[in-house]
PDB file of N, CA and C in Angstrom:
ATOM      1  N   GLU A   1      -8.094  20.257   5.878  1.00  0.00           N
ATOM      2  CA  GLU A   1      -9.020  20.457   4.756  1.00  0.00           C
ATOM      3  C   GLU A   1      -8.449  21.364   3.713  1.00  0.00           C
ATOM      4  N   LEU A   2      -7.458  22.223   4.080  1.00  0.00           N
ATOM      5  CA  LEU A   2      -6.870  23.140   3.096  1.00  0.00           C
ATOM      6  C   LEU A   2      -5.715  22.486   2.347  1.00  0.00           C
ATOM      7  N   VAL A   3      -5.243  21.368   2.891  1.00  0.00           N
ATOM      8  CA  VAL A   3      -4.054  20.689   2.339  1.00  0.00           C
ATOM      9  C   VAL A   3      -4.443  19.251   1.913  1.00  0.00           C
ATOM     10  N   ASP A   4      -4.063  18.905   0.686  1.00  0.00           N
ATOM     11  CA  ASP A   4      -4.270  17.558   0.215  1.00  0.00           C
ATOM     12  C   ASP A   4      -2.969  16.766   0.468  1.00  0.00           C
ATOM     13  N   MET A   5      -2.925  16.020   1.560  1.00  0.00           N
ATOM     14  CA  MET A   5      -1.703  15.364   1.911  1.00  0.00           C
ATOM     15  C   MET A   5      -1.303  14.186   0.912  1.00  0.00           C
ATOM     16  N   LYS A   6      -2.249  13.785   0.056  1.00  0.00           N
ATOM     17  CA  LYS A   6      -1.912  12.801  -0.913  1.00  0.00           C
ATOM     18  C   LYS A   6      -0.926  13.374  -1.951  1.00  0.00           C
ATOM     19  N   LYS A   7      -0.873  14.716  -2.040  1.00  0.00           N
ATOM     20  CA  LYS A   7       0.042  15.353  -2.935  1.00  0.00           C
ATOM     21  C   LYS A   7       1.384  15.764  -2.359  1.00  0.00           C
ATOM     22  N   ALA A   8       1.540  15.513  -1.020  1.00  0.00           N
ATOM     23  CA  ALA A   8       2.777  15.861  -0.320  1.00  0.00           C
ATOM     24  C   ALA A   8       3.917  14.933  -0.785  1.00  0.00           C
ATOM     25  N   VAL A   9       5.035  15.457  -1.032  1.00  0.00           N
ATOM     26  CA  VAL A   9       6.233  14.705  -1.404  1.00  0.00           C
ATOM     27  C   VAL A   9       7.406  15.118  -0.561  1.00  0.00           C
ATOM     28  N   ARG A  10       8.299  14.203  -0.350  1.00  0.00           N
ATOM     29  CA  ARG A  10       9.545  14.489   0.447  1.00  0.00           C
ATOM     30  C   ARG A  10      10.573  15.105  -0.484  1.00  0.00           C
ATOM     31  N   ASN A  11      11.300  16.109  -0.020  1.00  0.00           N
ATOM     32  CA  ASN A  11      12.383  16.687  -0.805  1.00  0.00           C
ATOM     33  C   ASN A  11      13.446  17.132   0.211  1.00  0.00           C
ATOM     34  N   LEU A  12      14.137  16.156   0.824  1.00  0.00           N
ATOM     35  CA  LEU A  12      15.137  16.480   1.841  1.00  0.00           C
ATOM     36  C   LEU A  12      16.442  16.844   1.132  1.00  0.00           C
ATOM     37  N   PRO A  13      17.043  17.983   1.577  1.00  0.00           N
ATOM     38  CA  PRO A  13      18.347  18.316   0.941  1.00  0.00           C
ATOM     39  C   PRO A  13      19.422  17.340   1.379  1.00  0.00           C
ATOM     40  N   PRO A  14      20.407  17.192   0.473  1.00  0.00           N
ATOM     41  CA  PRO A  14      21.472  16.258   0.845  1.00  0.00           C
ATOM     42  C   PRO A  14      22.251  16.730   2.064  1.00  0.00           C
ATOM     43  N   LYS A  15      22.621  15.745   2.913  1.00  0.00           N
ATOM     44  CA  LYS A  15      23.427  16.117   4.110  1.00  0.00           C
ATOM     45  C   LYS A  15      24.797  16.639   3.662  1.00  0.00           C
ATOM     46  N   LYS A  16      25.205  17.751   4.251  1.00  0.00           N
ATOM     47  CA  LYS A  16      26.499  18.349   3.981  1.00  0.00           C
ATOM     48  C   LYS A  16      27.197  18.494   5.310  1.00  0.00           C
ATOM     49  N   LYS A  17      28.554  18.492   5.229  1.00  0.00           N
ATOM     50  CA  LYS A  17      29.334  18.666   6.442  1.00  0.00           C
ATOM     51  C   LYS A  17      29.177  20.084   7.045  1.00  0.00           C
ATOM     52  N   PHE A  18      29.134  21.051   6.159  1.00  0.00           N
ATOM     53  CA  PHE A  18      29.042  22.480   6.631  1.00  0.00           C
ATOM     54  C   PHE A  18      27.775  23.090   6.185  1.00  0.00           C
ATOM     55  N   HIS A  19      27.208  23.972   7.033  1.00  0.00           N
ATOM     56  CA  HIS A  19      25.978  24.655   6.707  1.00  0.00           C
ATOM     57  C   HIS A  19      26.381  25.917   5.902  1.00  0.00           C
ATOM     58  N   ILE A  20      25.700  26.168   4.790  1.00  0.00           N
ATOM     59  CA  ILE A  20      26.003  27.307   3.951  1.00  0.00           C
ATOM     60  C   ILE A  20      25.165  28.505   4.447  1.00  0.00           C
ATOM     61  N   ALA A  21      25.815  29.597   4.714  1.00  0.00           N
ATOM     62  CA  ALA A  21      25.139  30.763   5.130  1.00  0.00           C
ATOM     63  C   ALA A  21      25.724  31.981   4.396  1.00  0.00           C
ATOM     64  N   ASP A  22      24.879  32.962   4.085  1.00  0.00           N
ATOM     65  CA  ASP A  22      25.284  34.115   3.362  1.00  0.00           C
ATOM     66  C   ASP A  22      26.155  34.974   4.329  1.00  0.00           C
ATOM     67  N   PRO A  23      27.429  35.192   4.037  1.00  0.00           N
ATOM     68  CA  PRO A  23      28.279  35.937   4.941  1.00  0.00           C
ATOM     69  C   PRO A  23      27.865  37.395   5.135  1.00  0.00           C
ATOM     70  N   TYR A  24      27.004  37.912   4.252  1.00  0.00           N
ATOM     71  CA  TYR A  24      26.597  39.320   4.324  1.00  0.00           C
ATOM     72  C   TYR A  24      25.376  39.462   5.252  1.00  0.00           C
ATOM     73  N   LEU A  25      24.787  38.410   5.725  1.00  0.00           N
ATOM     74  CA  LEU A  25      23.671  38.506   6.612  1.00  0.00           C
ATOM     75  C   LEU A  25      24.198  38.491   8.035  1.00  0.00           C
ATOM     76  N   GLN A  26      23.593  39.353   8.883  1.00  0.00           N
ATOM     77  CA  GLN A  26      23.970  39.351  10.303  1.00  0.00           C
ATOM     78  C   GLN A  26      22.730  39.072  11.125  1.00  0.00           C
ATOM     79  N   GLY A  27      22.935  38.621  12.321  1.00  0.00           N
ATOM     80  CA  GLY A  27      21.800  38.347  13.237  1.00  0.00           C
ATOM     81  C   GLY A  27      21.161  36.995  12.990  1.00  0.00           C
ATOM     82  N   ASP A  28      19.957  36.862  13.498  1.00  0.00           N
ATOM     83  CA  ASP A  28      19.247  35.610  13.367  1.00  0.00           C
ATOM     84  C   ASP A  28      19.015  35.235  11.880  1.00  0.00           C
ATOM     85  N   ARG A  29      19.066  34.015  11.581  1.00  0.00           N
ATOM     86  CA  ARG A  29      18.956  33.570  10.223  1.00  0.00           C
ATOM     87  C   ARG A  29      17.698  32.613  10.080  1.00  0.00           C
ATOM     88  N   VAL A  30      17.078  32.712   8.951  1.00  0.00           N
ATOM     89  CA  VAL A  30      16.036  31.883   8.538  1.00  0.00           C
ATOM     90  C   VAL A  30      16.416  31.314   7.178  1.00  0.00           C
ATOM     91  N   PHE A  31      15.642  30.381   6.585  1.00  0.00           N
ATOM     92  CA  PHE A  31      15.986  29.900   5.280  1.00  0.00           C
ATOM     93  C   PHE A  31      15.843  31.073   4.286  1.00  0.00           C
ATOM     94  N   THR A  32      16.953  31.494   3.804  1.00  0.00           N
ATOM     95  CA  THR A  32      16.933  32.567   2.787  1.00  0.00           C
ATOM     96  C   THR A  32      17.875  32.194   1.656  1.00  0.00           C
ATOM     97  N   PRO A  33      17.316  31.709   0.533  1.00  0.00           N
ATOM     98  CA  PRO A  33      18.190  31.343  -0.542  1.00  0.00           C
ATOM     99  C   PRO A  33      18.927  32.612  -1.096  1.00  0.00           C
ATOM    100  N   SER A  34      20.139  32.423  -1.590  1.00  0.00           N
ATOM    101  CA  SER A  34      20.898  33.545  -2.030  1.00  0.00           C
ATOM    102  C   SER A  34      20.418  34.082  -3.394  1.00  0.00           C
ATOM    103  N   SER A  35      19.618  33.337  -4.073  1.00  0.00           N
ATOM    104  CA  SER A  35      19.092  33.770  -5.368  1.00  0.00           C
ATOM    105  C   SER A  35      17.839  32.975  -5.697  1.00  0.00           C
ATOM    106  N   LEU A  36      17.096  33.456  -6.683  1.00  0.00           N
ATOM    107  CA  LEU A  36      15.954  32.747  -7.188  1.00  0.00           C
ATOM    108  C   LEU A  36      16.354  31.385  -7.756  1.00  0.00           C
ATOM    109  N   GLU A  37      17.483  31.381  -8.435  1.00  0.00           N
ATOM    110  CA  GLU A  37      17.982  30.126  -9.041  1.00  0.00           C
ATOM    111  C   GLU A  37      18.369  29.150  -7.886  1.00  0.00           C
ATOM    112  N   GLY A  38      18.991  29.649  -6.834  1.00  0.00           N
ATOM    113  CA  GLY A  38      19.331  28.811  -5.695  1.00  0.00           C
ATOM    114  C   GLY A  38      18.053  28.210  -5.063  1.00  0.00           C
ATOM    115  N   PHE A  39      17.013  28.998  -4.957  1.00  0.00           N
ATOM    116  CA  PHE A  39      15.790  28.512  -4.367  1.00  0.00           C
ATOM    117  C   PHE A  39      15.201  27.409  -5.309  1.00  0.00           C
ATOM    118  N   ARG A  40      15.239  27.661  -6.596  1.00  0.00           N
ATOM    119  CA  ARG A  40      14.730  26.634  -7.545  1.00  0.00           C
ATOM    120  C   ARG A  40      15.439  25.337  -7.436  1.00  0.00           C
ATOM    121  N   LYS A  41      16.791  25.457  -7.348  1.00  0.00           N
ATOM    122  CA  LYS A  41      17.563  24.153  -7.172  1.00  0.00           C
ATOM    123  C   LYS A  41      17.277  23.497  -5.922  1.00  0.00           C
ATOM    124  N   ALA A  42      17.113  24.235  -4.807  1.00  0.00           N
ATOM    125  CA  ALA A  42      16.888  23.606  -3.500  1.00  0.00           C
ATOM    126  C   ALA A  42      15.507  22.954  -3.438  1.00  0.00           C
ATOM    127  N   THR A  43      14.612  23.355  -4.280  1.00  0.00           N
ATOM    128  CA  THR A  43      13.254  22.868  -4.210  1.00  0.00           C
ATOM    129  C   THR A  43      12.875  21.974  -5.363  1.00  0.00           C
ATOM    130  N   GLU A  44      13.741  21.655  -6.294  1.00  0.00           N
ATOM    131  CA  GLU A  44      13.458  20.806  -7.415  1.00  0.00           C
ATOM    132  C   GLU A  44      13.163  19.378  -6.929  1.00  0.00           C
ATOM    133  N   PRO A  45      12.311  18.606  -7.542  1.00  0.00           N
ATOM    134  CA  PRO A  45      11.484  18.996  -8.660  1.00  0.00           C
ATOM    135  C   PRO A  45      10.031  19.373  -8.133  1.00  0.00           C
ATOM    136  N   SER A  46       9.869  19.230  -6.801  1.00  0.00           N
ATOM    137  CA  SER A  46       8.541  19.334  -6.268  1.00  0.00           C
ATOM    138  C   SER A  46       8.125  20.764  -5.901  1.00  0.00           C
ATOM    139  N   GLY A  47       9.042  21.683  -5.713  1.00  0.00           N
ATOM    140  CA  GLY A  47       8.695  23.013  -5.315  1.00  0.00           C
ATOM    141  C   GLY A  47       8.696  23.204  -3.777  1.00  0.00           C
ATOM    142  N   VAL A  48       9.016  22.128  -3.056  1.00  0.00           N
ATOM    143  CA  VAL A  48       9.072  22.163  -1.572  1.00  0.00           C
ATOM    144  C   VAL A  48      10.464  21.758  -1.111  1.00  0.00           C
ATOM    145  N   THR A  49      10.784  22.096   0.105  1.00  0.00           N
ATOM    146  CA  THR A  49      12.030  21.598   0.699  1.00  0.00           C
ATOM    147  C   THR A  49      11.638  21.056   2.096  1.00  0.00           C
ATOM    148  N   GLY A  50      12.243  19.971   2.484  1.00  0.00           N
ATOM    149  CA  GLY A  50      11.911  19.298   3.721  1.00  0.00           C
ATOM    150  C   GLY A  50      10.996  18.093   3.446  1.00  0.00           C
ATOM    151  N   ASP A  51      10.235  17.739   4.479  1.00  0.00           N
ATOM    152  CA  ASP A  51       9.382  16.534   4.384  1.00  0.00           C
ATOM    153  C   ASP A  51       7.953  16.900   4.834  1.00  0.00           C
ATOM    154  N   PRO A  52       7.123  17.419   3.932  1.00  0.00           N
ATOM    155  CA  PRO A  52       5.771  17.794   4.306  1.00  0.00           C
ATOM    156  C   PRO A  52       4.887  16.612   4.598  1.00  0.00           C
ATOM    157  N   THR A  53       5.384  15.381   4.261  1.00  0.00           N
ATOM    158  CA  THR A  53       4.528  14.217   4.522  1.00  0.00           C
ATOM    159  C   THR A  53       4.348  14.005   6.020  1.00  0.00           C
ATOM    160  N   LEU A  54       5.194  14.612   6.904  1.00  0.00           N
ATOM    161  CA  LEU A  54       5.078  14.506   8.320  1.00  0.00           C
ATOM    162  C   LEU A  54       4.165  15.578   8.902  1.00  0.00           C
ATOM    163  N   SER A  55       3.644  16.415   8.099  1.00  0.00           N
ATOM    164  CA  SER A  55       2.819  17.578   8.569  1.00  0.00           C
ATOM    165  C   SER A  55       1.425  17.048   9.092  1.00  0.00           C
ATOM    166  N   THR A  56       0.969  17.870  10.083  1.00  0.00           N
ATOM    167  CA  THR A  56      -0.399  17.648  10.604  1.00  0.00           C
ATOM    168  C   THR A  56      -1.001  19.059  10.811  1.00  0.00           C
ATOM    169  N   ALA A  57      -2.324  19.024  10.955  1.00  0.00           N
ATOM    170  CA  ALA A  57      -3.018  20.315  11.226  1.00  0.00           C
ATOM    171  C   ALA A  57      -2.527  20.955  12.525  1.00  0.00           C
ATOM    172  N   GLU A  58      -2.326  20.111  13.523  1.00  0.00           N
ATOM    173  CA  GLU A  58      -1.798  20.649  14.819  1.00  0.00           C
ATOM    174  C   GLU A  58      -0.439  21.286  14.682  1.00  0.00           C
ATOM    175  N   LYS A  59       0.485  20.635  13.972  1.00  0.00           N
ATOM    176  CA  LYS A  59       1.839  21.189  13.756  1.00  0.00           C
ATOM    177  C   LYS A  59       1.720  22.482  12.968  1.00  0.00           C
ATOM    178  N   GLY A  60       0.802  22.531  12.056  1.00  0.00           N
ATOM    179  CA  GLY A  60       0.598  23.760  11.246  1.00  0.00           C
ATOM    180  C   GLY A  60       0.100  24.913  12.128  1.00  0.00           C
ATOM    181  N   LYS A  61      -0.792  24.622  13.024  1.00  0.00           N
ATOM    182  CA  LYS A  61      -1.313  25.662  13.898  1.00  0.00           C
ATOM    183  C   LYS A  61      -0.198  26.203  14.820  1.00  0.00           C
ATOM    184  N   ARG A  62       0.641  25.226  15.360  1.00  0.00           N
ATOM    185  CA  ARG A  62       1.739  25.655  16.257  1.00  0.00           C
ATOM    186  C   ARG A  62       2.768  26.519  15.480  1.00  0.00           C
ATOM    187  N   LEU A  63       3.069  26.077  14.254  1.00  0.00           N
ATOM    188  CA  LEU A  63       3.991  26.854  13.446  1.00  0.00           C
ATOM    189  C   LEU A  63       3.443  28.214  13.103  1.00  0.00           C
ATOM    190  N   HIS A  64       2.164  28.281  12.718  1.00  0.00           N
ATOM    191  CA  HIS A  64       1.557  29.549  12.372  1.00  0.00           C
ATOM    192  C   HIS A  64       1.561  30.451  13.563  1.00  0.00           C
ATOM    193  N   LYS A  65       1.224  29.990  14.760  1.00  0.00           N
ATOM    194  CA  LYS A  65       1.275  30.793  15.988  1.00  0.00           C
ATOM    195  C   LYS A  65       2.622  31.314  16.222  1.00  0.00           C
ATOM    196  N   ALA A  66       3.624  30.478  16.161  1.00  0.00           N
ATOM    197  CA  ALA A  66       5.031  30.867  16.384  1.00  0.00           C
ATOM    198  C   ALA A  66       5.487  31.963  15.397  1.00  0.00           C
ATOM    199  N   LEU A  67       5.088  31.799  14.144  1.00  0.00           N
ATOM    200  CA  LEU A  67       5.424  32.816  13.124  1.00  0.00           C
ATOM    201  C   LEU A  67       4.771  34.142  13.370  1.00  0.00           C
ATOM    202  N   VAL A  68       3.495  34.086  13.741  1.00  0.00           N
ATOM    203  CA  VAL A  68       2.754  35.349  14.109  1.00  0.00           C
ATOM    204  C   VAL A  68       3.406  36.008  15.337  1.00  0.00           C
ATOM    205  N   ASP A  69       3.617  35.206  16.384  1.00  0.00           N
ATOM    206  CA  ASP A  69       4.212  35.728  17.598  1.00  0.00           C
ATOM    207  C   ASP A  69       5.571  36.431  17.329  1.00  0.00           C
ATOM    208  N   ASN A  70       6.407  35.704  16.507  1.00  0.00           N
ATOM    209  CA  ASN A  70       7.689  36.296  16.186  1.00  0.00           C
ATOM    210  C   ASN A  70       7.577  37.594  15.338  1.00  0.00           C
ATOM    211  N   LEU A  71       6.642  37.598  14.439  1.00  0.00           N
ATOM    212  CA  LEU A  71       6.378  38.783  13.622  1.00  0.00           C
ATOM    213  C   LEU A  71       5.946  39.943  14.504  1.00  0.00           C
ATOM    214  N   VAL A  72       5.028  39.729  15.427  1.00  0.00           N
ATOM    215  CA  VAL A  72       4.590  40.735  16.342  1.00  0.00           C
ATOM    216  C   VAL A  72       5.715  41.317  17.138  1.00  0.00           C
ATOM    217  N   GLU A  73       6.574  40.433  17.645  1.00  0.00           N
ATOM    218  CA  GLU A  73       7.734  40.828  18.412  1.00  0.00           C
ATOM    219  C   GLU A  73       8.675  41.693  17.591  1.00  0.00           C
ATOM    220  N   LEU A  74       8.886  41.256  16.260  1.00  0.00           N
ATOM    221  CA  LEU A  74       9.731  42.013  15.350  1.00  0.00           C
ATOM    222  C   LEU A  74       9.174  43.425  15.133  1.00  0.00           C
ATOM    223  N   VAL A  75       7.886  43.536  14.946  1.00  0.00           N
ATOM    224  CA  VAL A  75       7.240  44.852  14.717  1.00  0.00           C
ATOM    225  C   VAL A  75       7.428  45.721  15.963  1.00  0.00           C
ATOM    226  N   HIS A  76       7.232  45.179  17.122  1.00  0.00           N
ATOM    227  CA  HIS A  76       7.467  45.957  18.350  1.00  0.00           C
ATOM    228  C   HIS A  76       8.868  46.431  18.470  1.00  0.00           C
ATOM    229  N   LEU A  77       9.810  45.546  18.157  1.00  0.00           N
ATOM    230  CA  LEU A  77      11.268  45.948  18.206  1.00  0.00           C
ATOM    231  C   LEU A  77      11.580  47.076  17.169  1.00  0.00           C
ATOM    232  N   ALA A  78      10.969  46.866  15.963  1.00  0.00           N
ATOM    233  CA  ALA A  78      11.207  47.840  14.912  1.00  0.00           C
ATOM    234  C   ALA A  78      10.687  49.242  15.294  1.00  0.00           C
ATOM    235  N   ARG A  79       9.527  49.243  15.960  1.00  0.00           N
ATOM    236  CA  ARG A  79       8.934  50.512  16.420  1.00  0.00           C
ATOM    237  C   ARG A  79       9.784  51.286  17.406  1.00  0.00           C
ATOM    238  N   LYS A  80      10.652  50.545  18.160  1.00  0.00           N
ATOM    239  CA  LYS A  80      11.485  51.170  19.134  1.00  0.00           C
ATOM    240  C   LYS A  80      12.771  51.748  18.544  1.00  0.00           C
ATOM    241  N   GLU A  81      13.121  51.327  17.320  1.00  0.00           N
ATOM    242  CA  GLU A  81      14.326  51.772  16.641  1.00  0.00           C
ATOM    243  C   GLU A  81      14.206  53.271  16.240  1.00  0.00           C
ATOM    244  N   LYS A  82      15.265  53.980  16.460  1.00  0.00           N
ATOM    245  CA  LYS A  82      15.342  55.340  16.044  1.00  0.00           C
ATOM    246  C   LYS A  82      15.775  55.403  14.594  1.00  0.00           C
ATOM    247  N   VAL A  83      15.018  56.046  13.824  1.00  0.00           N
ATOM    248  CA  VAL A  83      15.228  56.190  12.343  1.00  0.00           C
ATOM    249  C   VAL A  83      15.480  57.609  11.996  1.00  0.00           C
ATOM    250  N   SER A  84      16.533  57.863  11.264  1.00  0.00           N
ATOM    251  CA  SER A  84      16.801  59.185  10.820  1.00  0.00           C
ATOM    252  C   SER A  84      16.838  59.172   9.285  1.00  0.00           C
ATOM    253  N   LEU A  85      16.169  60.117   8.680  1.00  0.00           N
ATOM    254  CA  LEU A  85      16.120  60.193   7.241  1.00  0.00           C
ATOM    255  C   LEU A  85      17.224  61.122   6.784  1.00  0.00           C
ATOM    256  N   LYS A  86      18.000  60.700   5.786  1.00  0.00           N
ATOM    257  CA  LYS A  86      19.021  61.531   5.250  1.00  0.00           C
ATOM    258  C   LYS A  86      18.718  61.808   3.776  1.00  0.00           C
ATOM    259  N   PRO A  87      19.169  62.996   3.345  1.00  0.00           N
ATOM    260  CA  PRO A  87      18.908  63.299   1.924  1.00  0.00           C
ATOM    261  C   PRO A  87      19.711  62.387   0.992  1.00  0.00           C
ATOM    262  N   VAL A  88      19.116  62.083  -0.094  1.00  0.00           N
ATOM    263  CA  VAL A  88      19.775  61.318  -1.110  1.00  0.00           C
ATOM    264  C   VAL A  88      20.793  62.106  -1.802  1.00  0.00           C
ATOM    265  N   THR A  89      21.984  61.549  -1.917  1.00  0.00           N
ATOM    266  CA  THR A  89      23.105  62.267  -2.600  1.00  0.00           C
ATOM    267  C   THR A  89      23.324  61.568  -3.982  1.00  0.00           C
ATOM    268  N   PRO A  90      23.131  62.373  -4.992  1.00  0.00           N
ATOM    269  CA  PRO A  90      23.354  61.753  -6.359  1.00  0.00           C
ATOM    270  C   PRO A  90      24.795  61.228  -6.478  1.00  0.00           C
ATOM    271  N   CYS A  91      24.974  60.120  -7.139  1.00  0.00           N
ATOM    272  CA  CYS A  91      26.315  59.486  -7.301  1.00  0.00           C
ATOM    273  C   CYS A  91      27.013  59.927  -8.578  1.00  0.00           C
ATOM    274  N   PHE A  92      26.469  60.908  -9.254  1.00  0.00           N
ATOM    275  CA  PHE A  92      27.141  61.309 -10.515  1.00  0.00           C
ATOM    276  C   PHE A  92      27.533  62.706 -10.476  1.00  0.00           C
TER     277      PHE A  92
END
């Protein structure tokens, strides 16, 4: 009821031999465009990436639950990290 599937359009990225990843990122990766312009190019002309025409309410619920579960786990892990504050040193 929150999504008008008649407006859903496919926007599958072209197949490439190699996956592009930001070499400065470490650890688990998610879809993270390297720039706003990169995101715009990846989602032209519809503003989406992938194929939302295959979406269902049940898939959305499962995805939402997985995202929330992962976020909760991330918060718990972050709370265990030791953080030390250091004074800011002027660079001039």
